[in-house]
Amino acid sequence: MSTIAMQKVMITVPPALLGQIDEAVTRLNTSRSALFRQAMEFFFAEQSRQELRELLKEGYLYRAEESRQMAQEFFIAEKEAWDRYAPWEE
């Protein structure tokens, strides 16, 4: 089993936040260090998800007109197929 080298950092937090941290540490039966690691991992994962969402949004907006035209063309083809092959009569 390999161990990961850890480095110490010092942070400053307001007393109210420290109280919340200590309550969470007690409730979760963990340490401050473990809680901060989890919080930072969550933060960076959320940042990555947000960046991906923004890239997807940009891509969708960039292709919006092309997608609209394609949908319109397929709608016409689908309507022709329904008109020709529908099992019911109007």
PDB file of N, CA and C in Angstrom:
ATOM      1  N   MET A   1       0.834  -1.168   0.000  1.00  0.00           N
ATOM      2  CA  MET A   1       0.000   0.000   0.000  1.00  0.00           C
ATOM      3  C   MET A   1       0.886   1.242   0.000  1.00  0.00           C
ATOM      4  N   SER A   2       0.646   2.152  -0.971  1.00  0.00           N
ATOM      5  CA  SER A   2       1.474   3.352  -1.040  1.00  0.00           C
ATOM      6  C   SER A   2       0.803   4.490  -0.279  1.00  0.00           C
ATOM      7  N   THR A   3       1.634   5.347   0.236  1.00  0.00           N
ATOM      8  CA  THR A   3       1.106   6.497   0.946  1.00  0.00           C
ATOM      9  C   THR A   3       1.349   7.742   0.109  1.00  0.00           C
ATOM     10  N   ILE A   4       0.438   8.676   0.200  1.00  0.00           N
ATOM     11  CA  ILE A   4       0.551   9.929  -0.528  1.00  0.00           C
ATOM     12  C   ILE A   4       1.179  10.951   0.400  1.00  0.00           C
ATOM     13  N   ALA A   5       2.191  11.636  -0.095  1.00  0.00           N
ATOM     14  CA  ALA A   5       2.838  12.665   0.716  1.00  0.00           C
ATOM     15  C   ALA A   5       1.881  13.839   0.869  1.00  0.00           C
ATOM     16  N   MET A   6       1.695  14.276   2.077  1.00  0.00           N
ATOM     17  CA  MET A   6       0.813  15.401   2.372  1.00  0.00           C
ATOM     18  C   MET A   6       1.653  16.603   2.746  1.00  0.00           C
ATOM     19  N   GLN A   7       1.126  17.779   2.480  1.00  0.00           N
ATOM     20  CA  GLN A   7       1.771  19.016   2.901  1.00  0.00           C
ATOM     21  C   GLN A   7       0.796  19.797   3.756  1.00  0.00           C
ATOM     22  N   LYS A   8       1.336  20.461   4.738  1.00  0.00           N
ATOM     23  CA  LYS A   8       0.501  21.258   5.629  1.00  0.00           C
ATOM     24  C   LYS A   8       0.274  22.639   5.018  1.00  0.00           C
ATOM     25  N   VAL A   9      -0.921  23.144   5.227  1.00  0.00           N
ATOM     26  CA  VAL A   9      -1.252  24.516   4.836  1.00  0.00           C
ATOM     27  C   VAL A   9      -1.953  25.172   6.011  1.00  0.00           C
ATOM     28  N   MET A  10      -1.872  26.480   6.045  1.00  0.00           N
ATOM     29  CA  MET A  10      -2.557  27.207   7.106  1.00  0.00           C
ATOM     30  C   MET A  10      -3.624  28.063   6.430  1.00  0.00           C
ATOM     31  N   ILE A  11      -4.832  28.018   6.976  1.00  0.00           N
ATOM     32  CA  ILE A  11      -5.900  28.853   6.451  1.00  0.00           C
ATOM     33  C   ILE A  11      -6.510  29.651   7.591  1.00  0.00           C
ATOM     34  N   THR A  12      -7.166  30.713   7.231  1.00  0.00           N
ATOM     35  CA  THR A  12      -7.838  31.556   8.217  1.00  0.00           C
ATOM     36  C   THR A  12      -9.317  31.573   7.879  1.00  0.00           C
ATOM     37  N   VAL A  13     -10.147  31.297   8.890  1.00  0.00           N
ATOM     38  CA  VAL A  13     -11.600  31.300   8.698  1.00  0.00           C
ATOM     39  C   VAL A  13     -12.244  32.081   9.831  1.00  0.00           C
ATOM     40  N   PRO A  14     -13.406  32.658   9.558  1.00  0.00           N
ATOM     41  CA  PRO A  14     -14.122  33.363  10.627  1.00  0.00           C
ATOM     42  C   PRO A  14     -14.585  32.384  11.707  1.00  0.00           C
ATOM     43  N   PRO A  15     -14.747  32.866  12.919  1.00  0.00           N
ATOM     44  CA  PRO A  15     -15.159  31.983  14.018  1.00  0.00           C
ATOM     45  C   PRO A  15     -16.453  31.209  13.739  1.00  0.00           C
ATOM     46  N   ALA A  16     -17.428  31.852  13.119  1.00  0.00           N
ATOM     47  CA  ALA A  16     -18.700  31.162  12.849  1.00  0.00           C
ATOM     48  C   ALA A  16     -18.483  29.980  11.900  1.00  0.00           C
ATOM     49  N   LEU A  17     -17.647  30.181  10.893  1.00  0.00           N
ATOM     50  CA  LEU A  17     -17.365  29.089   9.959  1.00  0.00           C
ATOM     51  C   LEU A  17     -16.589  27.975  10.654  1.00  0.00           C
ATOM     52  N   LEU A  18     -15.654  28.330  11.495  1.00  0.00           N
ATOM     53  CA  LEU A  18     -14.908  27.315  12.240  1.00  0.00           C
ATOM     54  C   LEU A  18     -15.857  26.497  13.110  1.00  0.00           C
ATOM     55  N   GLY A  19     -16.844  27.155  13.693  1.00  0.00           N
ATOM     56  CA  GLY A  19     -17.832  26.426  14.489  1.00  0.00           C
ATOM     57  C   GLY A  19     -18.585  25.412  13.625  1.00  0.00           C
ATOM     58  N   GLN A  20     -18.975  25.817  12.424  1.00  0.00           N
ATOM     59  CA  GLN A  20     -19.666  24.890  11.525  1.00  0.00           C
ATOM     60  C   GLN A  20     -18.751  23.734  11.116  1.00  0.00           C
ATOM     61  N   ILE A  21     -17.492  24.060  10.874  1.00  0.00           N
ATOM     62  CA  ILE A  21     -16.522  23.024  10.509  1.00  0.00           C
ATOM     63  C   ILE A  21     -16.401  22.006  11.637  1.00  0.00           C
ATOM     64  N   ASP A  22     -16.236  22.492  12.852  1.00  0.00           N
ATOM     65  CA  ASP A  22     -16.078  21.584  13.988  1.00  0.00           C
ATOM     66  C   ASP A  22     -17.338  20.758  14.242  1.00  0.00           C
ATOM     67  N   GLU A  23     -18.507  21.345  14.030  1.00  0.00           N
ATOM     68  CA  GLU A  23     -19.751  20.573  14.153  1.00  0.00           C
ATOM     69  C   GLU A  23     -19.791  19.458  13.108  1.00  0.00           C
ATOM     70  N   ALA A  24     -19.403  19.777  11.888  1.00  0.00           N
ATOM     71  CA  ALA A  24     -19.395  18.775  10.818  1.00  0.00           C
ATOM     72  C   ALA A  24     -18.376  17.677  11.109  1.00  0.00           C
ATOM     73  N   VAL A  25     -17.217  18.072  11.598  1.00  0.00           N
ATOM     74  CA  VAL A  25     -16.172  17.103  11.945  1.00  0.00           C
ATOM     75  C   VAL A  25     -16.700  16.117  12.978  1.00  0.00           C
ATOM     76  N   THR A  26     -17.384  16.624  13.992  1.00  0.00           N
ATOM     77  CA  THR A  26     -17.937  15.765  15.043  1.00  0.00           C
ATOM     78  C   THR A  26     -19.036  14.870  14.475  1.00  0.00           C
ATOM     79  N   ARG A  27     -19.956  15.484  13.739  1.00  0.00           N
ATOM     80  CA  ARG A  27     -21.092  14.732  13.191  1.00  0.00           C
ATOM     81  C   ARG A  27     -20.632  13.645  12.210  1.00  0.00           C
ATOM     82  N   LEU A  28     -19.622  13.943  11.413  1.00  0.00           N
ATOM     83  CA  LEU A  28     -19.145  12.996  10.404  1.00  0.00           C
ATOM     84  C   LEU A  28     -18.035  12.085  10.910  1.00  0.00           C
ATOM     85  N   ASN A  29     -17.634  12.298  12.148  1.00  0.00           N
ATOM     86  CA  ASN A  29     -16.575  11.487  12.759  1.00  0.00           C
ATOM     87  C   ASN A  29     -15.323  11.474  11.876  1.00  0.00           C
ATOM     88  N   THR A  30     -14.854  12.670  11.561  1.00  0.00           N
ATOM     89  CA  THR A  30     -13.686  12.811  10.690  1.00  0.00           C
ATOM     90  C   THR A  30     -12.776  13.881  11.284  1.00  0.00           C
ATOM     91  N   SER A  31     -11.787  14.283  10.549  1.00  0.00           N
ATOM     92  CA  SER A  31     -10.875  15.331  11.012  1.00  0.00           C
ATOM     93  C   SER A  31     -11.081  16.587  10.170  1.00  0.00           C
ATOM     94  N   ARG A  32     -10.580  17.683  10.657  1.00  0.00           N
ATOM     95  CA  ARG A  32     -10.651  18.919   9.870  1.00  0.00           C
ATOM     96  C   ARG A  32      -9.935  18.729   8.535  1.00  0.00           C
ATOM     97  N   SER A  33      -8.779  18.114   8.590  1.00  0.00           N
ATOM     98  CA  SER A  33      -8.008  17.904   7.360  1.00  0.00           C
ATOM     99  C   SER A  33      -8.793  17.083   6.344  1.00  0.00           C
ATOM    100  N   ALA A  34      -9.400  16.004   6.805  1.00  0.00           N
ATOM    101  CA  ALA A  34     -10.185  15.158   5.892  1.00  0.00           C
ATOM    102  C   ALA A  34     -11.377  15.932   5.342  1.00  0.00           C
ATOM    103  N   LEU A  35     -12.017  16.737   6.193  1.00  0.00           N
ATOM    104  CA  LEU A  35     -13.161  17.529   5.743  1.00  0.00           C
ATOM    105  C   LEU A  35     -12.732  18.540   4.683  1.00  0.00           C
ATOM    106  N   PHE A  36     -11.622  19.221   4.906  1.00  0.00           N
ATOM    107  CA  PHE A  36     -11.130  20.180   3.921  1.00  0.00           C
ATOM    108  C   PHE A  36     -10.743  19.482   2.615  1.00  0.00           C
ATOM    109  N   ARG A  37     -10.104  18.317   2.702  1.00  0.00           N
ATOM    110  CA  ARG A  37      -9.755  17.574   1.484  1.00  0.00           C
ATOM    111  C   ARG A  37     -11.013  17.238   0.695  1.00  0.00           C
ATOM    112  N   GLN A  38     -12.023  16.716   1.395  1.00  0.00           N
ATOM    113  CA  GLN A  38     -13.274  16.371   0.716  1.00  0.00           C
ATOM    114  C   GLN A  38     -13.931  17.607   0.109  1.00  0.00           C
ATOM    115  N   ALA A  39     -13.926  18.699   0.849  1.00  0.00           N
ATOM    116  CA  ALA A  39     -14.534  19.937   0.344  1.00  0.00           C
ATOM    117  C   ALA A  39     -13.799  20.441  -0.898  1.00  0.00           C
ATOM    118  N   MET A  40     -12.479  20.380  -0.880  1.00  0.00           N
ATOM    119  CA  MET A  40     -11.707  20.845  -2.030  1.00  0.00           C
ATOM    120  C   MET A  40     -11.896  19.915  -3.237  1.00  0.00           C
ATOM    121  N   GLU A  41     -11.943  18.607  -2.994  1.00  0.00           N
ATOM    122  CA  GLU A  41     -12.194  17.664  -4.090  1.00  0.00           C
ATOM    123  C   GLU A  41     -13.565  17.909  -4.705  1.00  0.00           C
ATOM    124  N   PHE A  42     -14.559  18.153  -3.849  1.00  0.00           N
ATOM    125  CA  PHE A  42     -15.903  18.448  -4.335  1.00  0.00           C
ATOM    126  C   PHE A  42     -15.903  19.747  -5.133  1.00  0.00           C
ATOM    127  N   PHE A  43     -15.233  20.763  -4.609  1.00  0.00           N
ATOM    128  CA  PHE A  43     -15.165  22.058  -5.280  1.00  0.00           C
ATOM    129  C   PHE A  43     -14.564  21.920  -6.677  1.00  0.00           C
ATOM    130  N   PHE A  44     -13.428  21.226  -6.785  1.00  0.00           N
ATOM    131  CA  PHE A  44     -12.774  21.099  -8.084  1.00  0.00           C
ATOM    132  C   PHE A  44     -13.580  20.236  -9.054  1.00  0.00           C
ATOM    133  N   ALA A  45     -14.230  19.214  -8.550  1.00  0.00           N
ATOM    134  CA  ALA A  45     -15.095  18.394  -9.409  1.00  0.00           C
ATOM    135  C   ALA A  45     -16.268  19.234  -9.918  1.00  0.00           C
ATOM    136  N   GLU A  46     -16.846  20.054  -9.048  1.00  0.00           N
ATOM    137  CA  GLU A  46     -17.962  20.918  -9.454  1.00  0.00           C
ATOM    138  C   GLU A  46     -17.498  21.951 -10.470  1.00  0.00           C
ATOM    139  N   GLN A  47     -16.298  22.494 -10.276  1.00  0.00           N
ATOM    140  CA  GLN A  47     -15.746  23.444 -11.249  1.00  0.00           C
ATOM    141  C   GLN A  47     -15.603  22.781 -12.614  1.00  0.00           C
ATOM    142  N   SER A  48     -15.119  21.555 -12.642  1.00  0.00           N
ATOM    143  CA  SER A  48     -14.970  20.825 -13.904  1.00  0.00           C
ATOM    144  C   SER A  48     -16.323  20.596 -14.563  1.00  0.00           C
ATOM    145  N   ARG A  49     -17.325  20.219 -13.768  1.00  0.00           N
ATOM    146  CA  ARG A  49     -18.673  20.025 -14.316  1.00  0.00           C
ATOM    147  C   ARG A  49     -19.229  21.321 -14.882  1.00  0.00           C
ATOM    148  N   GLN A  50     -19.008  22.421 -14.183  1.00  0.00           N
ATOM    149  CA  GLN A  50     -19.492  23.721 -14.650  1.00  0.00           C
ATOM    150  C   GLN A  50     -18.807  24.122 -15.951  1.00  0.00           C
ATOM    151  N   GLU A  51     -17.514  23.897 -16.037  1.00  0.00           N
ATOM    152  CA  GLU A  51     -16.788  24.209 -17.271  1.00  0.00           C
ATOM    153  C   GLU A  51     -17.312  23.375 -18.429  1.00  0.00           C
ATOM    154  N   LEU A  52     -17.587  22.093 -18.178  1.00  0.00           N
ATOM    155  CA  LEU A  52     -18.132  21.230 -19.218  1.00  0.00           C
ATOM    156  C   LEU A  52     -19.509  21.717 -19.654  1.00  0.00           C
ATOM    157  N   ARG A  53     -20.352  22.096 -18.684  1.00  0.00           N
ATOM    158  CA  ARG A  53     -21.681  22.626 -19.025  1.00  0.00           C
ATOM    159  C   ARG A  53     -21.566  23.860 -19.915  1.00  0.00           C
ATOM    160  N   GLU A  54     -20.628  24.746 -19.589  1.00  0.00           N
ATOM    161  CA  GLU A  54     -20.441  25.956 -20.391  1.00  0.00           C
ATOM    162  C   GLU A  54     -19.975  25.611 -21.803  1.00  0.00           C
ATOM    163  N   LEU A  55     -19.058  24.662 -21.926  1.00  0.00           N
ATOM    164  CA  LEU A  55     -18.596  24.242 -23.255  1.00  0.00           C
ATOM    165  C   LEU A  55     -19.735  23.630 -24.063  1.00  0.00           C
ATOM    166  N   LEU A  56     -20.547  22.789 -23.417  1.00  0.00           N
ATOM    167  CA  LEU A  56     -21.685  22.190 -24.108  1.00  0.00           C
ATOM    168  C   LEU A  56     -22.679  23.261 -24.542  1.00  0.00           C
ATOM    169  N   LYS A  57     -22.932  24.218 -23.661  1.00  0.00           N
ATOM    170  CA  LYS A  57     -23.857  25.304 -23.995  1.00  0.00           C
ATOM    171  C   LYS A  57     -23.342  26.081 -25.201  1.00  0.00           C
ATOM    172  N   GLU A  58     -22.059  26.411 -25.201  1.00  0.00           N
ATOM    173  CA  GLU A  58     -21.472  27.126 -26.335  1.00  0.00           C
ATOM    174  C   GLU A  58     -21.630  26.322 -27.622  1.00  0.00           C
ATOM    175  N   GLY A  59     -21.382  25.020 -27.525  1.00  0.00           N
ATOM    176  CA  GLY A  59     -21.507  24.166 -28.706  1.00  0.00           C
ATOM    177  C   GLY A  59     -22.934  24.092 -29.209  1.00  0.00           C
ATOM    178  N   TYR A  60     -23.888  23.953 -28.289  1.00  0.00           N
ATOM    179  CA  TYR A  60     -25.297  23.899 -28.687  1.00  0.00           C
ATOM    180  C   TYR A  60     -25.719  25.217 -29.333  1.00  0.00           C
ATOM    181  N   LEU A  61     -25.309  26.332 -28.748  1.00  0.00           N
ATOM    182  CA  LEU A  61     -25.671  27.627 -29.312  1.00  0.00           C
ATOM    183  C   LEU A  61     -25.010  27.841 -30.670  1.00  0.00           C
ATOM    184  N   TYR A  62     -23.778  27.383 -30.806  1.00  0.00           N
ATOM    185  CA  TYR A  62     -23.060  27.522 -32.074  1.00  0.00           C
ATOM    186  C   TYR A  62     -23.766  26.749 -33.181  1.00  0.00           C
ATOM    187  N   ARG A  63     -24.318  25.579 -32.833  1.00  0.00           N
ATOM    188  CA  ARG A  63     -24.978  24.721 -33.819  1.00  0.00           C
ATOM    189  C   ARG A  63     -26.502  24.858 -33.838  1.00  0.00           C
ATOM    190  N   ALA A  64     -27.041  25.835 -33.137  1.00  0.00           N
ATOM    191  CA  ALA A  64     -28.497  25.950 -32.994  1.00  0.00           C
ATOM    192  C   ALA A  64     -29.200  26.095 -34.334  1.00  0.00           C
ATOM    193  N   GLU A  65     -28.734  26.989 -35.176  1.00  0.00           N
ATOM    194  CA  GLU A  65     -29.400  27.208 -36.467  1.00  0.00           C
ATOM    195  C   GLU A  65     -29.299  25.961 -37.341  1.00  0.00           C
ATOM    196  N   GLU A  66     -28.136  25.343 -37.359  1.00  0.00           N
ATOM    197  CA  GLU A  66     -27.966  24.105 -38.134  1.00  0.00           C
ATOM    198  C   GLU A  66     -28.910  23.010 -37.625  1.00  0.00           C
ATOM    199  N   SER A  67     -29.019  22.882 -36.318  1.00  0.00           N
ATOM    200  CA  SER A  67     -29.902  21.877 -35.727  1.00  0.00           C
ATOM    201  C   SER A  67     -31.366  22.179 -36.041  1.00  0.00           C
ATOM    202  N   ARG A  68     -31.737  23.461 -35.994  1.00  0.00           N
ATOM    203  CA  ARG A  68     -33.108  23.848 -36.310  1.00  0.00           C
ATOM    204  C   ARG A  68     -33.450  23.520 -37.758  1.00  0.00           C
ATOM    205  N   GLN A  69     -32.528  23.821 -38.667  1.00  0.00           N
ATOM    206  CA  GLN A  69     -32.764  23.521 -40.082  1.00  0.00           C
ATOM    207  C   GLN A  69     -32.879  22.016 -40.310  1.00  0.00           C
ATOM    208  N   MET A  70     -32.023  21.250 -39.664  1.00  0.00           N
ATOM    209  CA  MET A  70     -32.057  19.799 -39.815  1.00  0.00           C
ATOM    210  C   MET A  70     -33.375  19.239 -39.282  1.00  0.00           C
ATOM    211  N   ALA A  71     -33.805  19.732 -38.146  1.00  0.00           N
ATOM    212  CA  ALA A  71     -35.066  19.277 -37.565  1.00  0.00           C
ATOM    213  C   ALA A  71     -36.223  19.618 -38.496  1.00  0.00           C
ATOM    214  N   GLN A  72     -36.177  20.794 -39.090  1.00  0.00           N
ATOM    215  CA  GLN A  72     -37.237  21.204 -40.009  1.00  0.00           C
ATOM    216  C   GLN A  72     -37.260  20.288 -41.242  1.00  0.00           C
ATOM    217  N   GLU A  73     -36.094  19.956 -41.766  1.00  0.00           N
ATOM    218  CA  GLU A  73     -36.027  19.066 -42.925  1.00  0.00           C
ATOM    219  C   GLU A  73     -36.553  17.670 -42.581  1.00  0.00           C
ATOM    220  N   PHE A  74     -36.179  17.158 -41.430  1.00  0.00           N
ATOM    221  CA  PHE A  74     -36.663  15.843 -41.030  1.00  0.00           C
ATOM    222  C   PHE A  74     -38.159  15.866 -40.741  1.00  0.00           C
ATOM    223  N   PHE A  75     -38.664  17.001 -40.246  1.00  0.00           N
ATOM    224  CA  PHE A  75     -40.094  17.115 -40.001  1.00  0.00           C
ATOM    225  C   PHE A  75     -40.856  16.964 -41.314  1.00  0.00           C
ATOM    226  N   ILE A  76     -40.382  17.606 -42.350  1.00  0.00           N
ATOM    227  CA  ILE A  76     -41.038  17.509 -43.659  1.00  0.00           C
ATOM    228  C   ILE A  76     -41.008  16.067 -44.153  1.00  0.00           C
ATOM    229  N   ALA A  77     -39.856  15.407 -44.064  1.00  0.00           N
ATOM    230  CA  ALA A  77     -39.746  14.014 -44.505  1.00  0.00           C
ATOM    231  C   ALA A  77     -40.633  13.103 -43.660  1.00  0.00           C
ATOM    232  N   GLU A  78     -40.670  13.343 -42.357  1.00  0.00           N
ATOM    233  CA  GLU A  78     -41.494  12.518 -41.480  1.00  0.00           C
ATOM    234  C   GLU A  78     -42.977  12.734 -41.769  1.00  0.00           C
ATOM    235  N   LYS A  79     -43.373  13.963 -42.032  1.00  0.00           N
ATOM    236  CA  LYS A  79     -44.773  14.249 -42.357  1.00  0.00           C
ATOM    237  C   LYS A  79     -45.166  13.536 -43.643  1.00  0.00           C
ATOM    238  N   GLU A  80     -44.291  13.547 -44.649  1.00  0.00           N
ATOM    239  CA  GLU A  80     -44.575  12.842 -45.909  1.00  0.00           C
ATOM    240  C   GLU A  80     -44.746  11.344 -45.656  1.00  0.00           C
ATOM    241  N   ALA A  81     -43.883  10.778 -44.798  1.00  0.00           N
ATOM    242  CA  ALA A  81     -43.987   9.345 -44.490  1.00  0.00           C
ATOM    243  C   ALA A  81     -45.292   9.046 -43.769  1.00  0.00           C
ATOM    244  N   TRP A  82     -45.648   9.891 -42.800  1.00  0.00           N
ATOM    245  CA  TRP A  82     -46.915   9.684 -42.089  1.00  0.00           C
ATOM    246  C   TRP A  82     -48.097   9.791 -43.048  1.00  0.00           C
ATOM    247  N   ASP A  83     -48.066  10.785 -43.909  1.00  0.00           N
ATOM    248  CA  ASP A  83     -49.156  10.961 -44.864  1.00  0.00           C
ATOM    249  C   ASP A  83     -49.268   9.762 -45.802  1.00  0.00           C
ATOM    250  N   ARG A  84     -48.152   9.187 -46.164  1.00  0.00           N
ATOM    251  CA  ARG A  84     -48.158   8.085 -47.116  1.00  0.00           C
ATOM    252  C   ARG A  84     -48.479   6.736 -46.453  1.00  0.00           C
ATOM    253  N   TYR A  85     -47.939   6.498 -45.254  1.00  0.00           N
ATOM    254  CA  TYR A  85     -48.007   5.159 -44.658  1.00  0.00           C
ATOM    255  C   TYR A  85     -48.881   5.060 -43.412  1.00  0.00           C
ATOM    256  N   ALA A  86     -49.549   6.110 -43.023  1.00  0.00           N
ATOM    257  CA  ALA A  86     -50.388   6.061 -41.815  1.00  0.00           C
ATOM    258  C   ALA A  86     -51.493   5.039 -42.007  1.00  0.00           C
ATOM    259  N   PRO A  87     -51.758   4.215 -41.001  1.00  0.00           N
ATOM    260  CA  PRO A  87     -52.761   3.136 -41.150  1.00  0.00           C
ATOM    261  C   PRO A  87     -54.197   3.634 -41.027  1.00  0.00           C
ATOM    262  N   TRP A  88     -54.393   4.876 -40.773  1.00  0.00           N
ATOM    263  CA  TRP A  88     -55.747   5.397 -40.653  1.00  0.00           C
ATOM    264  C   TRP A  88     -56.004   6.454 -41.712  1.00  0.00           C
ATOM    265  N   GLU A  89     -57.230   6.703 -41.903  1.00  0.00           N
ATOM    266  CA  GLU A  89     -57.597   7.737 -42.870  1.00  0.00           C
ATOM    267  C   GLU A  89     -58.254   8.870 -42.110  1.00  0.00           C
ATOM    268  N   GLU A  90     -58.059  10.037 -42.627  1.00  0.00           N
ATOM    269  CA  GLU A  90     -58.661  11.203 -41.987  1.00  0.00           C
ATOM    270  C   GLU A  90     -60.010  11.502 -42.573  1.00  0.00           C
TER     271      GLU A  90
END
